[in-house]
C-alpha atoms as a PDB file:
ATOM      1  CA  UNK A   1       0.000   0.000   0.000  1.00  0.00           C
ATOM      2  CA  UNK A   2       1.434   3.364  -1.043  1.00  0.00           C
ATOM      3  CA  UNK A   3       1.936   6.037   1.570  1.00  0.00           C
ATOM      4  CA  UNK A   4      -0.078   9.220   1.126  1.00  0.00           C
ATOM      5  CA  UNK A   5       1.786  12.417   0.271  1.00  0.00           C
ATOM      6  CA  UNK A   6       1.371  15.908   1.693  1.00  0.00           C
ATOM      7  CA  UNK A   7       2.244  19.356   0.331  1.00  0.00           C
ATOM      8  CA  UNK A   8       5.117  21.281   1.862  1.00  0.00           C
ATOM      9  CA  UNK A   9       6.661  24.734   1.895  1.00  0.00           C
ATOM     10  CA  UNK A  10      10.143  24.753   0.383  1.00  0.00           C
ATOM     11  CA  UNK A  11      11.973  27.849   1.632  1.00  0.00           C
ATOM     12  CA  UNK A  12      15.264  29.316   0.530  1.00  0.00           C
ATOM     13  CA  UNK A  13      17.687  30.198   3.344  1.00  0.00           C
ATOM     14  CA  UNK A  14      20.028  33.105   2.515  1.00  0.00           C
ATOM     15  CA  UNK A  15      18.072  36.271   1.815  1.00  0.00           C
ATOM     16  CA  UNK A  16      14.777  34.597   2.711  1.00  0.00           C
ATOM     17  CA  UNK A  17      15.092  33.254   6.261  1.00  0.00           C
ATOM     18  CA  UNK A  18      18.430  34.783   7.234  1.00  0.00           C
ATOM     19  CA  UNK A  19      20.415  37.806   6.080  1.00  0.00           C
ATOM     20  CA  UNK A  20      22.509  36.977   3.014  1.00  0.00           C
ATOM     21  CA  UNK A  21      26.131  37.375   4.155  1.00  0.00           C
ATOM     22  CA  UNK A  22      27.611  35.778   1.015  1.00  0.00           C
ATOM     23  CA  UNK A  23      29.251  32.469   1.873  1.00  0.00           C
ATOM     24  CA  UNK A  24      28.472  32.719   5.565  1.00  0.00           C
ATOM     25  CA  UNK A  25      31.080  30.757   7.510  1.00  0.00           C
ATOM     26  CA  UNK A  26      30.615  32.162  11.025  1.00  0.00           C
ATOM     27  CA  UNK A  27      27.544  30.841  12.836  1.00  0.00           C
ATOM     28  CA  UNK A  28      27.659  33.751  15.282  1.00  0.00           C
ATOM     29  CA  UNK A  29      26.756  36.074  12.398  1.00  0.00           C
ATOM     30  CA  UNK A  30      23.462  34.356  11.572  1.00  0.00           C
ATOM     31  CA  UNK A  31      20.625  36.870  11.628  1.00  0.00           C
ATOM     32  CA  UNK A  32      17.014  35.878  11.096  1.00  0.00           C
ATOM     33  CA  UNK A  33      15.168  38.240   8.802  1.00  0.00           C
ATOM     34  CA  UNK A  34      12.102  40.022  10.109  1.00  0.00           C
ATOM     35  CA  UNK A  35       9.061  37.752  10.126  1.00  0.00           C
ATOM     36  CA  UNK A  36      11.019  34.581   9.347  1.00  0.00           C
ATOM     37  CA  UNK A  37      10.257  32.767  12.600  1.00  0.00           C
ATOM     38  CA  UNK A  38       6.636  33.918  12.555  1.00  0.00           C
ATOM     39  CA  UNK A  39       6.234  32.677   8.975  1.00  0.00           C
ATOM     40  CA  UNK A  40       7.634  29.239   9.745  1.00  0.00           C
ATOM     41  CA  UNK A  41       5.590  29.058  12.952  1.00  0.00           C
ATOM     42  CA  UNK A  42       2.464  29.856  10.946  1.00  0.00           C
ATOM     43  CA  UNK A  43       3.167  26.907   8.672  1.00  0.00           C
ATOM     44  CA  UNK A  44       3.840  24.735  11.736  1.00  0.00           C
ATOM     45  CA  UNK A  45       0.466  25.719  13.184  1.00  0.00           C
ATOM     46  CA  UNK A  46      -1.190  24.751   9.895  1.00  0.00           C
ATOM     47  CA  UNK A  47       0.647  21.398  10.056  1.00  0.00           C
ATOM     48  CA  UNK A  48       2.328  22.032   6.720  1.00  0.00           C
ATOM     49  CA  UNK A  49       5.929  20.749   6.649  1.00  0.00           C
ATOM     50  CA  UNK A  50       8.665  23.333   6.088  1.00  0.00           C
ATOM     51  CA  UNK A  51      11.807  22.251   4.235  1.00  0.00           C
ATOM     52  CA  UNK A  52      14.784  24.557   3.715  1.00  0.00           C
ATOM     53  CA  UNK A  53      16.630  24.184   0.398  1.00  0.00           C
ATOM     54  CA  UNK A  54      19.828  26.135  -0.167  1.00  0.00           C
ATOM     55  CA  UNK A  55      22.577  26.386  -2.772  1.00  0.00           C
ATOM     56  CA  UNK A  56      25.951  26.448  -1.030  1.00  0.00           C
ATOM     57  CA  UNK A  57      28.546  26.662  -3.786  1.00  0.00           C
ATOM     58  CA  UNK A  58      30.949  28.197  -1.267  1.00  0.00           C
ATOM     59  CA  UNK A  59      31.739  24.638  -0.185  1.00  0.00           C
ATOM     60  CA  UNK A  60      32.963  23.628  -3.650  1.00  0.00           C
ATOM     61  CA  UNK A  61      34.732  26.974  -4.049  1.00  0.00           C
ATOM     62  CA  UNK A  62      36.651  26.412  -0.820  1.00  0.00           C
ATOM     63  CA  UNK A  63      35.164  29.510   0.812  1.00  0.00           C
ATOM     64  CA  UNK A  64      33.371  27.598   3.571  1.00  0.00           C
ATOM     65  CA  UNK A  65      33.781  24.097   4.950  1.00  0.00           C
ATOM     66  CA  UNK A  66      31.075  21.489   5.375  1.00  0.00           C
ATOM     67  CA  UNK A  67      31.438  21.874   9.144  1.00  0.00           C
ATOM     68  CA  UNK A  68      30.957  25.646   8.918  1.00  0.00           C
ATOM     69  CA  UNK A  69      27.873  25.164   6.766  1.00  0.00           C
ATOM     70  CA  UNK A  70      26.455  22.731   9.335  1.00  0.00           C
ATOM     71  CA  UNK A  71      27.157  25.172  12.194  1.00  0.00           C
ATOM     72  CA  UNK A  72      25.277  27.929  10.342  1.00  0.00           C
ATOM     73  CA  UNK A  73      22.427  25.517   9.612  1.00  0.00           C
ATOM     74  CA  UNK A  74      22.213  24.515  13.268  1.00  0.00           C
ATOM     75  CA  UNK A  75      22.300  28.132  14.464  1.00  0.00           C
ATOM     76  CA  UNK A  76      19.531  29.028  12.011  1.00  0.00           C
ATOM     77  CA  UNK A  77      17.407  26.217  13.428  1.00  0.00           C
ATOM     78  CA  UNK A  78      18.209  27.329  16.980  1.00  0.00           C
ATOM     79  CA  UNK A  79      17.103  30.894  16.273  1.00  0.00           C
ATOM     80  CA  UNK A  80      13.928  29.672  14.579  1.00  0.00           C
ATOM     81  CA  UNK A  81      13.258  27.442  17.576  1.00  0.00           C
ATOM     82  CA  UNK A  82      13.653  30.413  19.915  1.00  0.00           C
ATOM     83  CA  UNK A  83      10.909  32.057  17.875  1.00  0.00           C
ATOM     84  CA  UNK A  84       8.607  29.066  18.247  1.00  0.00           C
ATOM     85  CA  UNK A  85       9.297  27.711  14.761  1.00  0.00           C
ATOM     86  CA  UNK A  86      10.729  24.469  13.402  1.00  0.00           C
ATOM     87  CA  UNK A  87      11.746  23.099  10.015  1.00  0.00           C
ATOM     88  CA  UNK A  88      11.312  19.476   9.043  1.00  0.00           C
ATOM     89  CA  UNK A  89      14.658  19.235   7.257  1.00  0.00           C
ATOM     90  CA  UNK A  90      17.340  21.232   5.459  1.00  0.00           C
ATOM     91  CA  UNK A  91      18.937  20.251   2.153  1.00  0.00           C
ATOM     92  CA  UNK A  92      21.920  21.903   0.531  1.00  0.00           C
ATOM     93  CA  UNK A  93      23.753  21.695  -2.777  1.00  0.00           C
ATOM     94  CA  UNK A  94      27.511  22.001  -2.169  1.00  0.00           C
ATOM     95  CA  UNK A  95      28.444  22.142  -5.842  1.00  0.00           C
ATOM     96  CA  UNK A  96      29.892  25.044  -7.786  1.00  0.00           C
ATOM     97  CA  UNK A  97      27.211  25.169 -10.461  1.00  0.00           C
ATOM     98  CA  UNK A  98      29.752  25.703 -13.263  1.00  0.00           C
ATOM     99  CA  UNK A  99      28.196  25.083 -16.701  1.00  0.00           C
ATOM    100  CA  UNK A 100      30.830  22.399 -17.341  1.00  0.00           C
ATOM    101  CA  UNK A 101      30.041  20.687 -14.042  1.00  0.00           C
ATOM    102  CA  UNK A 102      26.245  20.454 -13.922  1.00  0.00           C
ATOM    103  CA  UNK A 103      24.493  18.718 -11.055  1.00  0.00           C
ATOM    104  CA  UNK A 104      20.886  17.769 -10.425  1.00  0.00           C
ATOM    105  CA  UNK A 105      20.636  19.352  -6.998  1.00  0.00           C
ATOM    106  CA  UNK A 106      21.593  22.989  -7.578  1.00  0.00           C
ATOM    107  CA  UNK A 107      18.488  25.169  -7.741  1.00  0.00           C
ATOM    108  CA  UNK A 108      16.515  25.505  -9.929  1.00  0.00           C
ATOM    109  CA  UNK A 109      17.214  21.807 -10.424  1.00  0.00           C
ATOM    110  CA  UNK A 110      14.838  19.436  -8.672  1.00  0.00           C
ATOM    111  CA  UNK A 111      17.344  17.137  -6.967  1.00  0.00           C
ATOM    112  CA  UNK A 112      16.923  18.469  -3.429  1.00  0.00           C
ATOM    113  CA  UNK A 113      13.147  18.629  -3.752  1.00  0.00           C
ATOM    114  CA  UNK A 114      12.884  15.075  -5.027  1.00  0.00           C
ATOM    115  CA  UNK A 115      15.154  13.862  -2.234  1.00  0.00           C
ATOM    116  CA  UNK A 116      12.938  15.519   0.374  1.00  0.00           C
ATOM    117  CA  UNK A 117       9.792  14.216  -1.297  1.00  0.00           C
ATOM    118  CA  UNK A 118      11.110  10.655  -1.200  1.00  0.00           C
ATOM    119  CA  UNK A 119      12.262  10.922   2.417  1.00  0.00           C
ATOM    120  CA  UNK A 120       9.117  12.503   3.835  1.00  0.00           C
ATOM    121  CA  UNK A 121       6.367  11.535   1.366  1.00  0.00           C
ATOM    122  CA  UNK A 122       5.864  15.102   0.141  1.00  0.00           C
ATOM    123  CA  UNK A 123       3.695  16.105  -2.801  1.00  0.00           C
ATOM    124  CA  UNK A 124       5.769  18.391  -5.034  1.00  0.00           C
ATOM    125  CA  UNK A 125       2.793  19.141  -7.277  1.00  0.00           C
ATOM    126  CA  UNK A 126       0.883  20.907  -4.504  1.00  0.00           C
ATOM    127  CA  UNK A 127       3.856  22.368  -2.649  1.00  0.00           C
ATOM    128  CA  UNK A 128       5.007  25.998  -2.568  1.00  0.00           C
ATOM    129  CA  UNK A 129       8.479  27.211  -3.528  1.00  0.00           C
ATOM    130  CA  UNK A 130       9.488  30.470  -1.835  1.00  0.00           C
ATOM    131  CA  UNK A 131      12.621  32.595  -1.968  1.00  0.00           C
ATOM    132  CA  UNK A 132      14.286  35.868  -2.893  1.00  0.00           C
ATOM    133  CA  UNK A 133      15.731  34.657  -6.215  1.00  0.00           C
ATOM    134  CA  UNK A 134      14.006  33.487  -9.364  1.00  0.00           C
ATOM    135  CA  UNK A 135      15.835  30.148  -9.109  1.00  0.00           C
ATOM    136  CA  UNK A 136      14.008  29.548  -5.796  1.00  0.00           C
ATOM    137  CA  UNK A 137      10.657  29.991  -7.528  1.00  0.00           C
ATOM    138  CA  UNK A 138      11.351  28.237 -10.838  1.00  0.00           C
ATOM    139  CA  UNK A 139      10.819  24.701  -9.467  1.00  0.00           C
ATOM    140  CA  UNK A 140       7.106  25.520  -9.332  1.00  0.00           C
ATOM    141  CA  UNK A 141       7.095  25.708 -13.126  1.00  0.00           C
ATOM    142  CA  UNK A 142       8.617  22.245 -13.388  1.00  0.00           C
ATOM    143  CA  UNK A 143       6.539  20.537 -10.707  1.00  0.00           C
ATOM    144  CA  UNK A 144       3.188  22.263 -11.177  1.00  0.00           C
ATOM    145  CA  UNK A 145       3.372  23.766  -7.683  1.00  0.00           C
ATOM    146  CA  UNK A 146       3.155  27.343  -6.424  1.00  0.00           C
ATOM    147  CA  UNK A 147       6.080  29.758  -6.692  1.00  0.00           C
ATOM    148  CA  UNK A 148       6.379  32.949  -4.649  1.00  0.00           C
ATOM    149  CA  UNK A 149       9.190  35.474  -5.037  1.00  0.00           C
ATOM    150  CA  UNK A 150       9.943  37.658  -2.019  1.00  0.00           C
ATOM    151  CA  UNK A 151      12.275  40.378  -3.341  1.00  0.00           C
ATOM    152  CA  UNK A 152      14.949  41.500  -0.898  1.00  0.00           C
ATOM    153  CA  UNK A 153      17.926  43.832  -0.954  1.00  0.00           C
ATOM    154  CA  UNK A 154      20.047  41.187  -2.708  1.00  0.00           C
ATOM    155  CA  UNK A 155      17.450  40.240  -5.339  1.00  0.00           C
ATOM    156  CA  UNK A 156      18.652  41.092  -8.869  1.00  0.00           C
ATOM    157  CA  UNK A 157      16.263  43.282 -10.842  1.00  0.00           C
ATOM    158  CA  UNK A 158      16.283  40.648 -13.588  1.00  0.00           C
ATOM    159  CA  UNK A 159      14.844  38.125 -11.130  1.00  0.00           C
ATOM    160  CA  UNK A 160      12.015  40.502 -10.271  1.00  0.00           C
ATOM    161  CA  UNK A 161      11.287  41.007 -13.955  1.00  0.00           C
ATOM    162  CA  UNK A 162      11.294  37.258 -14.568  1.00  0.00           C
ATOM    163  CA  UNK A 163       8.762  36.781 -11.771  1.00  0.00           C
ATOM    164  CA  UNK A 164       6.568  39.633 -12.991  1.00  0.00           C
ATOM    165  CA  UNK A 165       6.529  38.246 -16.508  1.00  0.00           C
ATOM    166  CA  UNK A 166       5.506  34.835 -15.158  1.00  0.00           C
ATOM    167  CA  UNK A 167       2.765  36.015 -12.775  1.00  0.00           C
ATOM    168  CA  UNK A 168      -0.099  33.569 -13.087  1.00  0.00           C
ATOM    169  CA  UNK A 169      -2.310  31.215 -11.100  1.00  0.00           C
ATOM    170  CA  UNK A 170       0.926  29.510  -9.984  1.00  0.00           C
ATOM    171  CA  UNK A 171       3.508  32.317  -9.732  1.00  0.00           C
ATOM    172  CA  UNK A 172       3.165  35.165  -7.233  1.00  0.00           C
ATOM    173  CA  UNK A 173       5.151  37.948  -5.619  1.00  0.00           C
ATOM    174  CA  UNK A 174       4.969  38.931  -1.946  1.00  0.00           C
ATOM    175  CA  UNK A 175       6.338  41.869   0.036  1.00  0.00           C
ATOM    176  CA  UNK A 176       7.716  39.720   2.841  1.00  0.00           C
ATOM    177  CA  UNK A 177       8.136  36.125   3.967  1.00  0.00           C
ATOM    178  CA  UNK A 178       5.095  36.165   6.234  1.00  0.00           C
ATOM    179  CA  UNK A 179       2.842  37.309   3.388  1.00  0.00           C
ATOM    180  CA  UNK A 180       4.379  34.674   1.118  1.00  0.00           C
ATOM    181  CA  UNK A 181       3.664  31.897   3.591  1.00  0.00           C
ATOM    182  CA  UNK A 182       0.108  33.193   4.086  1.00  0.00           C
ATOM    183  CA  UNK A 183      -0.485  33.059   0.327  1.00  0.00           C
ATOM    184  CA  UNK A 184       1.013  29.587   0.111  1.00  0.00           C
ATOM    185  CA  UNK A 185      -1.042  28.190   2.969  1.00  0.00           C
ATOM    186  CA  UNK A 186      -4.262  29.602   1.522  1.00  0.00           C
ATOM    187  CA  UNK A 187      -3.587  27.969  -1.833  1.00  0.00           C
ATOM    188  CA  UNK A 188      -2.450  24.688  -0.325  1.00  0.00           C
ATOM    189  CA  UNK A 189      -5.558  24.476   1.855  1.00  0.00           C
ATOM    190  CA  UNK A 190      -7.681  25.114  -1.225  1.00  0.00           C
ATOM    191  CA  UNK A 191      -6.013  22.092  -2.831  1.00  0.00           C
ATOM    192  CA  UNK A 192      -5.979  23.780  -6.218  1.00  0.00           C
ATOM    193  CA  UNK A 193      -5.934  20.998  -8.834  1.00  0.00           C
ATOM    194  CA  UNK A 194      -2.615  21.904 -10.426  1.00  0.00           C
ATOM    195  CA  UNK A 195      -0.980  19.419 -12.745  1.00  0.00           C
ATOM    196  CA  UNK A 196       2.760  19.081 -13.394  1.00  0.00           C
ATOM    197  CA  UNK A 197       4.022  19.451 -16.937  1.00  0.00           C
ATOM    198  CA  UNK A 198       4.289  16.250 -18.969  1.00  0.00           C
ATOM    199  CA  UNK A 199       7.312  14.192 -18.039  1.00  0.00           C
ATOM    200  CA  UNK A 200       7.763  15.467 -14.481  1.00  0.00           C
ATOM    201  CA  UNK A 201       7.924  12.664 -11.928  1.00  0.00           C
END
């Protein structure tokens, strides 16, 4: 008998949950962004799993170590916990992302999402993909889910334009992370019958 699947919120980390310090190696410098804990706590209250997905090419570039990444991850979770919030899991892509060295996990690739879906029986088709870069939102186009861009101080103008040009029943923009999570939860609870493009597993 197959296990049932549930939708989730897939959140970017740097620039979405914490301040983007560019290859953050020092856990003591982790700063939650305004509304981050409240947004995750709101999803917790709605019993919708929250999964953090983050590109960490600094590992491959030699700018941060795996241990430093893990310390920053743990501190992020500690600060969220202090705000009454919890994430189900965190996935990271440690690869460079060089065109000659492609990988399946670097966003907007679906590797991390599929890994989480397999581990926790998550429904990618009805999940929401939230972040401050267009690559954080793009997986919604591949899976049939909901994508929400939350522009921040580090968001390139081209990413904002890409999101605006794609605004639809599946792609949205929000002023802050709390609004983004509110939009996502409303759509998830409505169980909008979205279908993934042909060929998406």
